[in-house]
Amino acid sequence: MSPLATLIPMFQARYPEFNAAGLAQVQAAIQDCMIQTDNGTSANGPVWPAGWDDLAVLKLAAHTIAMSPGGNPMRIKAADGTVTTTYKQEYDRMVAQVAGAARPILGIATDPNYPWNWGP
């Protein structure tokens, strides 16, 4: 995974819609998401394919900022009342591509029939 000093300009270039968010908010979101994505590794080796770890952090950081109080215009409200963002939808697609149907990712087993299911 790239260092924070590299991820910030990558975020700003990829998501100019967040320029008004301010550097401190962008930096905090990226740092939080670096932790949430386990810095791209697990006890069993890399979770993300090469280059995907940075992209995962950036998408999750964009979602985090969009879900903050000032990000209301970027949210999507589903018919069932749930709220998400296109950034989270893109992140979820990446997770699905990497995880497959029954592979643990980010500490959560995706198949509830597996004995090591740590999921909700």
PDB file of N, CA and C in Angstrom:
ATOM      1  N   MET A   1       0.847  -1.171   0.000  1.00  0.00           N
ATOM      2  CA  MET A   1       0.000   0.000   0.000  1.00  0.00           C
ATOM      3  C   MET A   1       0.891   1.232   0.000  1.00  0.00           C
ATOM      4  N   SER A   2       0.460   2.215  -0.743  1.00  0.00           N
ATOM      5  CA  SER A   2       1.209   3.461  -0.823  1.00  0.00           C
ATOM      6  C   SER A   2       1.119   4.225   0.496  1.00  0.00           C
ATOM      7  N   PRO A   3       2.109   5.063   0.783  1.00  0.00           N
ATOM      8  CA  PRO A   3       2.053   5.863   2.002  1.00  0.00           C
ATOM      9  C   PRO A   3       0.988   6.958   1.902  1.00  0.00           C
ATOM     10  N   LEU A   4       0.589   7.454   3.049  1.00  0.00           N
ATOM     11  CA  LEU A   4      -0.446   8.491   3.122  1.00  0.00           C
ATOM     12  C   LEU A   4      -0.106   9.686   2.244  1.00  0.00           C
ATOM     13  N   ALA A   5       1.148  10.096   2.240  1.00  0.00           N
ATOM     14  CA  ALA A   5       1.563  11.258   1.447  1.00  0.00           C
ATOM     15  C   ALA A   5       1.326  11.051  -0.050  1.00  0.00           C
ATOM     16  N   THR A   6       1.287   9.810  -0.496  1.00  0.00           N
ATOM     17  CA  THR A   6       0.996   9.499  -1.896  1.00  0.00           C
ATOM     18  C   THR A   6      -0.500   9.352  -2.123  1.00  0.00           C
ATOM     19  N   LEU A   7      -1.204   8.791  -1.144  1.00  0.00           N
ATOM     20  CA  LEU A   7      -2.640   8.546  -1.299  1.00  0.00           C
ATOM     21  C   LEU A   7      -3.462   9.833  -1.343  1.00  0.00           C
ATOM     22  N   ILE A   8      -3.036  10.847  -0.617  1.00  0.00           N
ATOM     23  CA  ILE A   8      -3.808  12.104  -0.587  1.00  0.00           C
ATOM     24  C   ILE A   8      -3.901  12.733  -1.980  1.00  0.00           C
ATOM     25  N   PRO A   9      -2.776  12.956  -2.681  1.00  0.00           N
ATOM     26  CA  PRO A   9      -2.915  13.522  -4.035  1.00  0.00           C
ATOM     27  C   PRO A   9      -3.634  12.585  -5.007  1.00  0.00           C
ATOM     28  N   MET A  10      -3.497  11.270  -4.809  1.00  0.00           N
ATOM     29  CA  MET A  10      -4.245  10.328  -5.645  1.00  0.00           C
ATOM     30  C   MET A  10      -5.740  10.524  -5.436  1.00  0.00           C
ATOM     31  N   PHE A  11      -6.152  10.682  -4.170  1.00  0.00           N
ATOM     32  CA  PHE A  11      -7.561  10.901  -3.842  1.00  0.00           C
ATOM     33  C   PHE A  11      -8.055  12.195  -4.475  1.00  0.00           C
ATOM     34  N   GLN A  12      -7.270  13.259  -4.331  1.00  0.00           N
ATOM     35  CA  GLN A  12      -7.674  14.564  -4.859  1.00  0.00           C
ATOM     36  C   GLN A  12      -7.805  14.541  -6.375  1.00  0.00           C
ATOM     37  N   ALA A  13      -6.940  13.807  -7.054  1.00  0.00           N
ATOM     38  CA  ALA A  13      -7.019  13.710  -8.511  1.00  0.00           C
ATOM     39  C   ALA A  13      -8.204  12.861  -8.956  1.00  0.00           C
ATOM     40  N   ARG A  14      -8.459  11.771  -8.240  1.00  0.00           N
ATOM     41  CA  ARG A  14      -9.534  10.855  -8.609  1.00  0.00           C
ATOM     42  C   ARG A  14     -10.917  11.402  -8.265  1.00  0.00           C
ATOM     43  N   TYR A  15     -11.004  12.136  -7.156  1.00  0.00           N
ATOM     44  CA  TYR A  15     -12.298  12.619  -6.659  1.00  0.00           C
ATOM     45  C   TYR A  15     -12.274  14.129  -6.422  1.00  0.00           C
ATOM     46  N   PRO A  16     -12.212  14.934  -7.485  1.00  0.00           N
ATOM     47  CA  PRO A  16     -12.187  16.391  -7.305  1.00  0.00           C
ATOM     48  C   PRO A  16     -13.469  16.938  -6.672  1.00  0.00           C
ATOM     49  N   GLU A  17     -14.521  16.158  -6.672  1.00  0.00           N
ATOM     50  CA  GLU A  17     -15.766  16.604  -6.037  1.00  0.00           C
ATOM     51  C   GLU A  17     -15.610  16.796  -4.532  1.00  0.00           C
ATOM     52  N   PHE A  18     -14.506  16.308  -3.973  1.00  0.00           N
ATOM     53  CA  PHE A  18     -14.259  16.455  -2.543  1.00  0.00           C
ATOM     54  C   PHE A  18     -13.250  17.561  -2.220  1.00  0.00           C
ATOM     55  N   ASN A  19     -12.911  18.395  -3.185  1.00  0.00           N
ATOM     56  CA  ASN A  19     -11.946  19.462  -2.935  1.00  0.00           C
ATOM     57  C   ASN A  19     -12.390  20.391  -1.813  1.00  0.00           C
ATOM     58  N   ALA A  20     -13.687  20.593  -1.671  1.00  0.00           N
ATOM     59  CA  ALA A  20     -14.195  21.475  -0.613  1.00  0.00           C
ATOM     60  C   ALA A  20     -14.143  20.820   0.764  1.00  0.00           C
ATOM     61  N   ALA A  21     -13.900  19.533   0.812  1.00  0.00           N
ATOM     62  CA  ALA A  21     -13.884  18.822   2.098  1.00  0.00           C
ATOM     63  C   ALA A  21     -12.727  19.260   2.975  1.00  0.00           C
ATOM     64  N   GLY A  22     -11.649  19.669   2.417  1.00  0.00           N
ATOM     65  CA  GLY A  22     -10.496  20.102   3.197  1.00  0.00           C
ATOM     66  C   GLY A  22      -9.506  18.973   3.401  1.00  0.00           C
ATOM     67  N   LEU A  23      -8.243  19.337   3.453  1.00  0.00           N
ATOM     68  CA  LEU A  23      -7.166  18.370   3.558  1.00  0.00           C
ATOM     69  C   LEU A  23      -7.241  17.530   4.828  1.00  0.00           C
ATOM     70  N   ALA A  24      -7.579  18.151   5.955  1.00  0.00           N
ATOM     71  CA  ALA A  24      -7.624  17.416   7.228  1.00  0.00           C
ATOM     72  C   ALA A  24      -8.677  16.309   7.187  1.00  0.00           C
ATOM     73  N   GLN A  25      -9.840  16.589   6.602  1.00  0.00           N
ATOM     74  CA  GLN A  25     -10.895  15.579   6.523  1.00  0.00           C
ATOM     75  C   GLN A  25     -10.500  14.449   5.581  1.00  0.00           C
ATOM     76  N   VAL A  26      -9.888  14.801   4.461  1.00  0.00           N
ATOM     77  CA  VAL A  26      -9.438  13.789   3.502  1.00  0.00           C
ATOM     78  C   VAL A  26      -8.367  12.910   4.142  1.00  0.00           C
ATOM     79  N   GLN A  27      -7.412  13.526   4.811  1.00  0.00           N
ATOM     80  CA  GLN A  27      -6.342  12.772   5.457  1.00  0.00           C
ATOM     81  C   GLN A  27      -6.894  11.841   6.524  1.00  0.00           C
ATOM     82  N   ALA A  28      -7.807  12.327   7.345  1.00  0.00           N
ATOM     83  CA  ALA A  28      -8.395  11.493   8.402  1.00  0.00           C
ATOM     84  C   ALA A  28      -9.164  10.317   7.809  1.00  0.00           C
ATOM     85  N   ALA A  29      -9.925  10.574   6.751  1.00  0.00           N
ATOM     86  CA  ALA A  29     -10.697   9.498   6.116  1.00  0.00           C
ATOM     87  C   ALA A  29      -9.771   8.442   5.528  1.00  0.00           C
ATOM     88  N   ILE A  30      -8.722   8.872   4.866  1.00  0.00           N
ATOM     89  CA  ILE A  30      -7.783   7.918   4.277  1.00  0.00           C
ATOM     90  C   ILE A  30      -7.101   7.098   5.366  1.00  0.00           C
ATOM     91  N   GLN A  31      -6.673   7.749   6.437  1.00  0.00           N
ATOM     92  CA  GLN A  31      -6.023   7.018   7.532  1.00  0.00           C
ATOM     93  C   GLN A  31      -6.974   5.988   8.135  1.00  0.00           C
ATOM     94  N   ASP A  32      -8.221   6.369   8.381  1.00  0.00           N
ATOM     95  CA  ASP A  32      -9.203   5.427   8.915  1.00  0.00           C
ATOM     96  C   ASP A  32      -9.393   4.243   7.978  1.00  0.00           C
ATOM     97  N   CYS A  33      -9.479   4.523   6.697  1.00  0.00           N
ATOM     98  CA  CYS A  33      -9.736   3.460   5.724  1.00  0.00           C
ATOM     99  C   CYS A  33      -8.514   2.572   5.501  1.00  0.00           C
ATOM    100  N   MET A  34      -7.322   3.098   5.716  1.00  0.00           N
ATOM    101  CA  MET A  34      -6.130   2.257   5.660  1.00  0.00           C
ATOM    102  C   MET A  34      -6.202   1.199   6.763  1.00  0.00           C
ATOM    103  N   ILE A  35      -6.708   1.584   7.911  1.00  0.00           N
ATOM    104  CA  ILE A  35      -6.870   0.632   9.015  1.00  0.00           C
ATOM    105  C   ILE A  35      -7.999  -0.345   8.705  1.00  0.00           C
ATOM    106  N   GLN A  36      -9.122   0.160   8.207  1.00  0.00           N
ATOM    107  CA  GLN A  36     -10.282  -0.691   7.928  1.00  0.00           C
ATOM    108  C   GLN A  36      -9.995  -1.733   6.862  1.00  0.00           C
ATOM    109  N   THR A  37      -9.153  -1.403   5.910  1.00  0.00           N
ATOM    110  CA  THR A  37      -8.831  -2.370   4.860  1.00  0.00           C
ATOM    111  C   THR A  37      -7.623  -3.209   5.239  1.00  0.00           C
ATOM    112  N   ASP A  38      -7.199  -3.104   6.491  1.00  0.00           N
ATOM    113  CA  ASP A  38      -6.112  -3.926   7.031  1.00  0.00           C
ATOM    114  C   ASP A  38      -4.817  -3.707   6.268  1.00  0.00           C
ATOM    115  N   ASN A  39      -4.648  -2.502   5.742  1.00  0.00           N
ATOM    116  CA  ASN A  39      -3.461  -2.144   4.960  1.00  0.00           C
ATOM    117  C   ASN A  39      -3.166  -3.147   3.848  1.00  0.00           C
ATOM    118  N   GLY A  40      -4.208  -3.833   3.376  1.00  0.00           N
ATOM    119  CA  GLY A  40      -4.046  -4.715   2.232  1.00  0.00           C
ATOM    120  C   GLY A  40      -3.445  -6.068   2.527  1.00  0.00           C
ATOM    121  N   THR A  41      -3.292  -6.438   3.804  1.00  0.00           N
ATOM    122  CA  THR A  41      -2.706  -7.735   4.115  1.00  0.00           C
ATOM    123  C   THR A  41      -3.531  -8.458   5.161  1.00  0.00           C
ATOM    124  N   SER A  42      -3.314  -9.732   5.275  1.00  0.00           N
ATOM    125  CA  SER A  42      -3.926 -10.538   6.326  1.00  0.00           C
ATOM    126  C   SER A  42      -2.899 -11.582   6.752  1.00  0.00           C
ATOM    127  N   ALA A  43      -3.252 -12.375   7.735  1.00  0.00           N
ATOM    128  CA  ALA A  43      -2.339 -13.426   8.201  1.00  0.00           C
ATOM    129  C   ALA A  43      -2.054 -14.438   7.091  1.00  0.00           C
ATOM    130  N   ASN A  44      -2.951 -14.545   6.119  1.00  0.00           N
ATOM    131  CA  ASN A  44      -2.797 -15.507   5.035  1.00  0.00           C
ATOM    132  C   ASN A  44      -2.150 -14.905   3.788  1.00  0.00           C
ATOM    133  N   GLY A  45      -1.664 -13.677   3.893  1.00  0.00           N
ATOM    134  CA  GLY A  45      -1.054 -13.026   2.741  1.00  0.00           C
ATOM    135  C   GLY A  45      -1.896 -11.864   2.259  1.00  0.00           C
ATOM    136  N   PRO A  46      -1.537 -11.307   1.117  1.00  0.00           N
ATOM    137  CA  PRO A  46      -2.262 -10.138   0.607  1.00  0.00           C
ATOM    138  C   PRO A  46      -3.736 -10.431   0.364  1.00  0.00           C
ATOM    139  N   VAL A  47      -4.563  -9.479   0.730  1.00  0.00           N
ATOM    140  CA  VAL A  47      -6.000  -9.591   0.486  1.00  0.00           C
ATOM    141  C   VAL A  47      -6.326  -9.061  -0.906  1.00  0.00           C
ATOM    142  N   TRP A  48      -5.707  -7.952  -1.265  1.00  0.00           N
ATOM    143  CA  TRP A  48      -6.014  -7.292  -2.524  1.00  0.00           C
ATOM    144  C   TRP A  48      -4.975  -7.636  -3.589  1.00  0.00           C
ATOM    145  N   PRO A  49      -5.388  -7.782  -4.846  1.00  0.00           N
ATOM    146  CA  PRO A  49      -4.417  -7.924  -5.930  1.00  0.00           C
ATOM    147  C   PRO A  49      -3.544  -6.665  -6.012  1.00  0.00           C
ATOM    148  N   ALA A  50      -2.419  -6.786  -6.656  1.00  0.00           N
ATOM    149  CA  ALA A  50      -1.480  -5.667  -6.765  1.00  0.00           C
ATOM    150  C   ALA A  50      -2.181  -4.413  -7.285  1.00  0.00           C
ATOM    151  N   GLY A  51      -1.998  -3.316  -6.567  1.00  0.00           N
ATOM    152  CA  GLY A  51      -2.576  -2.036  -6.954  1.00  0.00           C
ATOM    153  C   GLY A  51      -3.990  -1.802  -6.466  1.00  0.00           C
ATOM    154  N   TRP A  52      -4.690  -2.854  -6.086  1.00  0.00           N
ATOM    155  CA  TRP A  52      -6.080  -2.705  -5.653  1.00  0.00           C
ATOM    156  C   TRP A  52      -6.187  -2.164  -4.235  1.00  0.00           C
ATOM    157  N   ASP A  53      -5.155  -2.352  -3.413  1.00  0.00           N
ATOM    158  CA  ASP A  53      -5.250  -1.893  -2.032  1.00  0.00           C
ATOM    159  C   ASP A  53      -5.412  -0.378  -1.973  1.00  0.00           C
ATOM    160  N   ASP A  54      -4.643   0.354  -2.793  1.00  0.00           N
ATOM    161  CA  ASP A  54      -4.781   1.808  -2.829  1.00  0.00           C
ATOM    162  C   ASP A  54      -6.174   2.210  -3.304  1.00  0.00           C
ATOM    163  N   LEU A  55      -6.639   1.562  -4.354  1.00  0.00           N
ATOM    164  CA  LEU A  55      -7.957   1.885  -4.902  1.00  0.00           C
ATOM    165  C   LEU A  55      -9.062   1.604  -3.882  1.00  0.00           C
ATOM    166  N   ALA A  56      -8.939   0.509  -3.152  1.00  0.00           N
ATOM    167  CA  ALA A  56      -9.931   0.189  -2.121  1.00  0.00           C
ATOM    168  C   ALA A  56      -9.965   1.259  -1.038  1.00  0.00           C
ATOM    169  N   VAL A  57      -8.797   1.700  -0.601  1.00  0.00           N
ATOM    170  CA  VAL A  57      -8.729   2.753   0.421  1.00  0.00           C
ATOM    171  C   VAL A  57      -9.368   4.037  -0.096  1.00  0.00           C
ATOM    172  N   LEU A  58      -9.069   4.413  -1.329  1.00  0.00           N
ATOM    173  CA  LEU A  58      -9.596   5.654  -1.880  1.00  0.00           C
ATOM    174  C   LEU A  58     -11.118   5.612  -2.019  1.00  0.00           C
ATOM    175  N   LYS A  59     -11.649   4.498  -2.492  1.00  0.00           N
ATOM    176  CA  LYS A  59     -13.108   4.375  -2.633  1.00  0.00           C
ATOM    177  C   LYS A  59     -13.799   4.410  -1.269  1.00  0.00           C
ATOM    178  N   LEU A  60     -13.233   3.716  -0.303  1.00  0.00           N
ATOM    179  CA  LEU A  60     -13.826   3.702   1.028  1.00  0.00           C
ATOM    180  C   LEU A  60     -13.706   5.079   1.697  1.00  0.00           C
ATOM    181  N   ALA A  61     -12.606   5.785   1.458  1.00  0.00           N
ATOM    182  CA  ALA A  61     -12.453   7.142   1.993  1.00  0.00           C
ATOM    183  C   ALA A  61     -13.471   8.089   1.357  1.00  0.00           C
ATOM    184  N   ALA A  62     -13.698   7.960   0.065  1.00  0.00           N
ATOM    185  CA  ALA A  62     -14.710   8.789  -0.601  1.00  0.00           C
ATOM    186  C   ALA A  62     -16.086   8.512  -0.013  1.00  0.00           C
ATOM    187  N   HIS A  63     -16.394   7.260   0.219  1.00  0.00           N
ATOM    188  CA  HIS A  63     -17.674   6.907   0.846  1.00  0.00           C
ATOM    189  C   HIS A  63     -17.774   7.515   2.239  1.00  0.00           C
ATOM    190  N   THR A  64     -16.703   7.421   3.013  1.00  0.00           N
ATOM    191  CA  THR A  64     -16.694   7.944   4.377  1.00  0.00           C
ATOM    192  C   THR A  64     -16.978   9.438   4.383  1.00  0.00           C
ATOM    193  N   ILE A  65     -16.327  10.178   3.499  1.00  0.00           N
ATOM    194  CA  ILE A  65     -16.550  11.628   3.442  1.00  0.00           C
ATOM    195  C   ILE A  65     -17.954  11.933   2.935  1.00  0.00           C
ATOM    196  N   ALA A  66     -18.414  11.176   1.952  1.00  0.00           N
ATOM    197  CA  ALA A  66     -19.770  11.402   1.427  1.00  0.00           C
ATOM    198  C   ALA A  66     -20.845  11.123   2.473  1.00  0.00           C
ATOM    199  N   MET A  67     -20.568  10.236   3.413  1.00  0.00           N
ATOM    200  CA  MET A  67     -21.543   9.929   4.466  1.00  0.00           C
ATOM    201  C   MET A  67     -21.445  10.900   5.639  1.00  0.00           C
ATOM    202  N   SER A  68     -20.459  11.796   5.605  1.00  0.00           N
ATOM    203  CA  SER A  68     -20.347  12.801   6.660  1.00  0.00           C
ATOM    204  C   SER A  68     -21.434  13.862   6.457  1.00  0.00           C
ATOM    205  N   PRO A  69     -21.674  14.712   7.451  1.00  0.00           N
ATOM    206  CA  PRO A  69     -22.768  15.687   7.336  1.00  0.00           C
ATOM    207  C   PRO A  69     -22.748  16.541   6.069  1.00  0.00           C
ATOM    208  N   GLY A  70     -21.576  16.920   5.582  1.00  0.00           N
ATOM    209  CA  GLY A  70     -21.521  17.752   4.384  1.00  0.00           C
ATOM    210  C   GLY A  70     -21.655  16.992   3.080  1.00  0.00           C
ATOM    211  N   GLY A  71     -21.704  15.677   3.141  1.00  0.00           N
ATOM    212  CA  GLY A  71     -21.722  14.870   1.921  1.00  0.00           C
ATOM    213  C   GLY A  71     -23.098  14.475   1.433  1.00  0.00           C
ATOM    214  N   ASN A  72     -24.145  15.043   1.992  1.00  0.00           N
ATOM    215  CA  ASN A  72     -25.515  14.652   1.662  1.00  0.00           C
ATOM    216  C   ASN A  72     -25.810  14.601   0.160  1.00  0.00           C
ATOM    217  N   PRO A  73     -25.354  15.558  -0.657  1.00  0.00           N
ATOM    218  CA  PRO A  73     -25.683  15.499  -2.089  1.00  0.00           C
ATOM    219  C   PRO A  73     -25.123  14.269  -2.813  1.00  0.00           C
ATOM    220  N   MET A  74     -24.151  13.601  -2.226  1.00  0.00           N
ATOM    221  CA  MET A  74     -23.513  12.457  -2.877  1.00  0.00           C
ATOM    222  C   MET A  74     -24.119  11.126  -2.457  1.00  0.00           C
ATOM    223  N   ARG A  75     -25.111  11.152  -1.618  1.00  0.00           N
ATOM    224  CA  ARG A  75     -25.699   9.905  -1.114  1.00  0.00           C
ATOM    225  C   ARG A  75     -26.813   9.407  -2.019  1.00  0.00           C
ATOM    226  N   ILE A  76     -27.017   8.105  -1.955  1.00  0.00           N
ATOM    227  CA  ILE A  76     -28.086   7.450  -2.714  1.00  0.00           C
ATOM    228  C   ILE A  76     -29.013   6.803  -1.702  1.00  0.00           C
ATOM    229  N   LYS A  77     -30.308   7.089  -1.795  1.00  0.00           N
ATOM    230  CA  LYS A  77     -31.273   6.466  -0.896  1.00  0.00           C
ATOM    231  C   LYS A  77     -32.067   5.425  -1.679  1.00  0.00           C
ATOM    232  N   ALA A  78     -31.979   4.183  -1.208  1.00  0.00           N
ATOM    233  CA  ALA A  78     -32.683   3.080  -1.861  1.00  0.00           C
ATOM    234  C   ALA A  78     -34.161   3.087  -1.467  1.00  0.00           C
ATOM    235  N   ALA A  79     -34.950   2.319  -2.196  1.00  0.00           N
ATOM    236  CA  ALA A  79     -36.381   2.235  -1.918  1.00  0.00           C
ATOM    237  C   ALA A  79     -36.663   1.713  -0.519  1.00  0.00           C
ATOM    238  N   ASP A  80     -35.777   0.865   0.005  1.00  0.00           N
ATOM    239  CA  ASP A  80     -35.983   0.314   1.348  1.00  0.00           C
ATOM    240  C   ASP A  80     -35.519   1.262   2.452  1.00  0.00           C
ATOM    241  N   GLY A  81     -35.037   2.450   2.059  1.00  0.00           N
ATOM    242  CA  GLY A  81     -34.637   3.444   3.044  1.00  0.00           C
ATOM    243  C   GLY A  81     -33.166   3.444   3.398  1.00  0.00           C
ATOM    244  N   THR A  82     -32.416   2.439   2.930  1.00  0.00           N
ATOM    245  CA  THR A  82     -30.987   2.416   3.223  1.00  0.00           C
ATOM    246  C   THR A  82     -30.277   3.503   2.410  1.00  0.00           C
ATOM    247  N   VAL A  83     -29.189   3.976   2.959  1.00  0.00           N
ATOM    248  CA  VAL A  83     -28.426   5.039   2.304  1.00  0.00           C
ATOM    249  C   VAL A  83     -27.009   4.545   2.038  1.00  0.00           C
ATOM    250  N   THR A  84     -26.524   4.806   0.845  1.00  0.00           N
ATOM    251  CA  THR A  84     -25.164   4.426   0.470  1.00  0.00           C
ATOM    252  C   THR A  84     -24.619   5.465  -0.479  1.00  0.00           C
ATOM    253  N   THR A  85     -23.503   5.154  -1.118  1.00  0.00           N
ATOM    254  CA  THR A  85     -22.899   6.026  -2.123  1.00  0.00           C
ATOM    255  C   THR A  85     -22.405   5.173  -3.279  1.00  0.00           C
ATOM    256  N   THR A  86     -22.159   5.816  -4.409  1.00  0.00           N
ATOM    257  CA  THR A  86     -21.594   5.072  -5.533  1.00  0.00           C
ATOM    258  C   THR A  86     -20.191   4.576  -5.187  1.00  0.00           C
ATOM    259  N   TYR A  87     -19.489   5.310  -4.328  1.00  0.00           N
ATOM    260  CA  TYR A  87     -18.142   4.908  -3.928  1.00  0.00           C
ATOM    261  C   TYR A  87     -18.190   3.585  -3.157  1.00  0.00           C
ATOM    262  N   LYS A  88     -19.163   3.448  -2.271  1.00  0.00           N
ATOM    263  CA  LYS A  88     -19.313   2.206  -1.494  1.00  0.00           C
ATOM    264  C   LYS A  88     -19.753   1.068  -2.409  1.00  0.00           C
ATOM    265  N   GLN A  89     -20.621   1.356  -3.364  1.00  0.00           N
ATOM    266  CA  GLN A  89     -21.031   0.324  -4.305  1.00  0.00           C
ATOM    267  C   GLN A  89     -19.834  -0.181  -5.107  1.00  0.00           C
ATOM    268  N   GLU A  90     -18.958   0.732  -5.526  1.00  0.00           N
ATOM    269  CA  GLU A  90     -17.752   0.332  -6.252  1.00  0.00           C
ATOM    270  C   GLU A  90     -16.826  -0.480  -5.351  1.00  0.00           C
ATOM    271  N   TYR A  91     -16.666  -0.054  -4.098  1.00  0.00           N
ATOM    272  CA  TYR A  91     -15.841  -0.789  -3.135  1.00  0.00           C
ATOM    273  C   TYR A  91     -16.399  -2.196  -2.930  1.00  0.00           C
ATOM    274  N   ASP A  92     -17.716  -2.298  -2.749  1.00  0.00           N
ATOM    275  CA  ASP A  92     -18.349  -3.605  -2.549  1.00  0.00           C
ATOM    276  C   ASP A  92     -18.141  -4.523  -3.747  1.00  0.00           C
ATOM    277  N   ARG A  93     -18.170  -3.968  -4.960  1.00  0.00           N
ATOM    278  CA  ARG A  93     -17.903  -4.773  -6.156  1.00  0.00           C
ATOM    279  C   ARG A  93     -16.462  -5.296  -6.145  1.00  0.00           C
ATOM    280  N   MET A  94     -15.535  -4.449  -5.708  1.00  0.00           N
ATOM    281  CA  MET A  94     -14.138  -4.892  -5.603  1.00  0.00           C
ATOM    282  C   MET A  94     -14.017  -6.030  -4.594  1.00  0.00           C
ATOM    283  N   VAL A  95     -14.654  -5.884  -3.436  1.00  0.00           N
ATOM    284  CA  VAL A  95     -14.606  -6.921  -2.407  1.00  0.00           C
ATOM    285  C   VAL A  95     -15.180  -8.224  -2.958  1.00  0.00           C
ATOM    286  N   ALA A  96     -16.296  -8.145  -3.665  1.00  0.00           N
ATOM    287  CA  ALA A  96     -16.917  -9.348  -4.227  1.00  0.00           C
ATOM    288  C   ALA A  96     -15.997 -10.021  -5.242  1.00  0.00           C
ATOM    289  N   GLN A  97     -15.298  -9.232  -6.036  1.00  0.00           N
ATOM    290  CA  GLN A  97     -14.380  -9.808  -7.022  1.00  0.00           C
ATOM    291  C   GLN A  97     -13.215 -10.519  -6.346  1.00  0.00           C
ATOM    292  N   VAL A  98     -12.724  -9.943  -5.269  1.00  0.00           N
ATOM    293  CA  VAL A  98     -11.583 -10.521  -4.572  1.00  0.00           C
ATOM    294  C   VAL A  98     -12.005 -11.693  -3.701  1.00  0.00           C
ATOM    295  N   ALA A  99     -13.151 -11.553  -3.034  1.00  0.00           N
ATOM    296  CA  ALA A  99     -13.580 -12.547  -2.049  1.00  0.00           C
ATOM    297  C   ALA A  99     -14.133 -13.813  -2.676  1.00  0.00           C
ATOM    298  N   GLY A 100     -14.813 -13.709  -3.772  1.00  0.00           N
ATOM    299  CA  GLY A 100     -15.480 -14.871  -4.324  1.00  0.00           C
ATOM    300  C   GLY A 100     -16.640 -15.278  -3.432  1.00  0.00           C
ATOM    301  N   ALA A 101     -17.092 -16.486  -3.534  1.00  0.00           N
ATOM    302  CA  ALA A 101     -18.279 -16.920  -2.795  1.00  0.00           C
ATOM    303  C   ALA A 101     -17.980 -17.404  -1.384  1.00  0.00           C
ATOM    304  N   ALA A 102     -16.775 -17.897  -1.127  1.00  0.00           N
ATOM    305  CA  ALA A 102     -16.558 -18.505   0.186  1.00  0.00           C
ATOM    306  C   ALA A 102     -15.180 -18.228   0.768  1.00  0.00           C
ATOM    307  N   ARG A 103     -14.550 -17.159   0.363  1.00  0.00           N
ATOM    308  CA  ARG A 103     -13.211 -16.851   0.851  1.00  0.00           C
ATOM    309  C   ARG A 103     -13.284 -15.763   1.916  1.00  0.00           C
ATOM    310  N   PRO A 104     -12.654 -15.956   3.058  1.00  0.00           N
ATOM    311  CA  PRO A 104     -12.646 -14.892   4.062  1.00  0.00           C
ATOM    312  C   PRO A 104     -11.873 -13.671   3.551  1.00  0.00           C
ATOM    313  N   ILE A 105     -12.425 -12.506   3.766  1.00  0.00           N
ATOM    314  CA  ILE A 105     -11.737 -11.266   3.404  1.00  0.00           C
ATOM    315  C   ILE A 105     -11.952 -10.252   4.501  1.00  0.00           C
ATOM    316  N   LEU A 106     -10.913  -9.568   4.850  1.00  0.00           N
ATOM    317  CA  LEU A 106     -10.978  -8.526   5.864  1.00  0.00           C
ATOM    318  C   LEU A 106     -11.534  -9.061   7.174  1.00  0.00           C
ATOM    319  N   GLY A 107     -11.261 -10.341   7.479  1.00  0.00           N
ATOM    320  CA  GLY A 107     -11.676 -10.916   8.746  1.00  0.00           C
ATOM    321  C   GLY A 107     -13.113 -11.388   8.785  1.00  0.00           C
ATOM    322  N   ILE A 108     -13.809 -11.405   7.657  1.00  0.00           N
ATOM    323  CA  ILE A 108     -15.214 -11.823   7.650  1.00  0.00           C
ATOM    324  C   ILE A 108     -15.389 -12.925   6.613  1.00  0.00           C
ATOM    325  N   ALA A 109     -15.873 -14.078   7.025  1.00  0.00           N
ATOM    326  CA  ALA A 109     -16.154 -15.159   6.086  1.00  0.00           C
ATOM    327  C   ALA A 109     -17.422 -14.812   5.322  1.00  0.00           C
ATOM    328  N   THR A 110     -17.410 -15.081   4.031  1.00  0.00           N
ATOM    329  CA  THR A 110     -18.569 -14.732   3.213  1.00  0.00           C
ATOM    330  C   THR A 110     -19.578 -15.871   3.119  1.00  0.00           C
ATOM    331  N   ASP A 111     -19.233 -17.046   3.585  1.00  0.00           N
ATOM    332  CA  ASP A 111     -20.150 -18.181   3.551  1.00  0.00           C
ATOM    333  C   ASP A 111     -20.549 -18.542   4.977  1.00  0.00           C
ATOM    334  N   PRO A 112     -21.833 -18.368   5.333  1.00  0.00           N
ATOM    335  CA  PRO A 112     -22.260 -18.619   6.716  1.00  0.00           C
ATOM    336  C   PRO A 112     -22.150 -20.079   7.139  1.00  0.00           C
ATOM    337  N   ASN A 113     -21.921 -21.008   6.198  1.00  0.00           N
ATOM    338  CA  ASN A 113     -21.816 -22.420   6.546  1.00  0.00           C
ATOM    339  C   ASN A 113     -20.412 -22.823   6.979  1.00  0.00           C
ATOM    340  N   TYR A 114     -19.447 -21.939   6.799  1.00  0.00           N
ATOM    341  CA  TYR A 114     -18.082 -22.257   7.182  1.00  0.00           C
ATOM    342  C   TYR A 114     -17.934 -22.121   8.692  1.00  0.00           C
ATOM    343  N   PRO A 115     -17.174 -23.052   9.321  1.00  0.00           N
ATOM    344  CA  PRO A 115     -17.056 -23.021  10.778  1.00  0.00           C
ATOM    345  C   PRO A 115     -16.303 -21.804  11.299  1.00  0.00           C
ATOM    346  N   TRP A 116     -15.506 -21.147  10.453  1.00  0.00           N
ATOM    347  CA  TRP A 116     -14.761 -19.978  10.924  1.00  0.00           C
ATOM    348  C   TRP A 116     -15.484 -18.678  10.606  1.00  0.00           C
ATOM    349  N   ASN A 117     -16.781 -18.759  10.409  1.00  0.00           N
ATOM    350  CA  ASN A 117     -17.545 -17.554  10.088  1.00  0.00           C
ATOM    351  C   ASN A 117     -17.495 -16.561  11.231  1.00  0.00           C
ATOM    352  N   TRP A 118     -16.845 -15.423  10.994  1.00  0.00           N
ATOM    353  CA  TRP A 118     -16.770 -14.365  11.999  1.00  0.00           C
ATOM    354  C   TRP A 118     -17.762 -13.267  11.678  1.00  0.00           C
ATOM    355  N   GLY A 119     -18.572 -13.483  10.683  1.00  0.00           N
ATOM    356  CA  GLY A 119     -19.501 -12.449  10.212  1.00  0.00           C
ATOM    357  C   GLY A 119     -20.613 -12.152  11.198  1.00  0.00           C
ATOM    358  N   PRO A 120     -21.404 -11.162  10.846  1.00  0.00           N
ATOM    359  CA  PRO A 120     -22.501 -10.749  11.735  1.00  0.00           C
ATOM    360  C   PRO A 120     -23.573 -11.791  11.901  1.00  0.00           C
TER     361      PRO A 120
END
